[in-house]
Amino acid sequence: MDQFDVAKTQQENIELGIVRGWLAENAVIPDWVEILFESEAVKVYWRQKDSLFLRDEIVYRRTPDGKEQMILPKAQRSHF
């Protein structure tokens, strides 16, 4: 899976599509109340919002030790 495939997979995933919207340039991350009716996955990403970022159209998470993890939809994780 190359970068284009990862970006496309993230865009097609409902939860990551929402997160990508938060990370877009000049976007506003919603308040907790605004995501109460979203899926559990979206709520988990919201709690991690300060460590998420978008690079080359791909969502990543920065770990406490500074490593960068590419975020994949749950269905795609078995491919890696």
Foldseek 3Di string as FASTA:
>chain_A
DDPVVQLVQLCPDPLSVVLLQCQPPPHPQDDPVVCPVPDPSNVVCSVQVVQWHADPSWIWGQDPVGDIHTDGPPVCPVVD
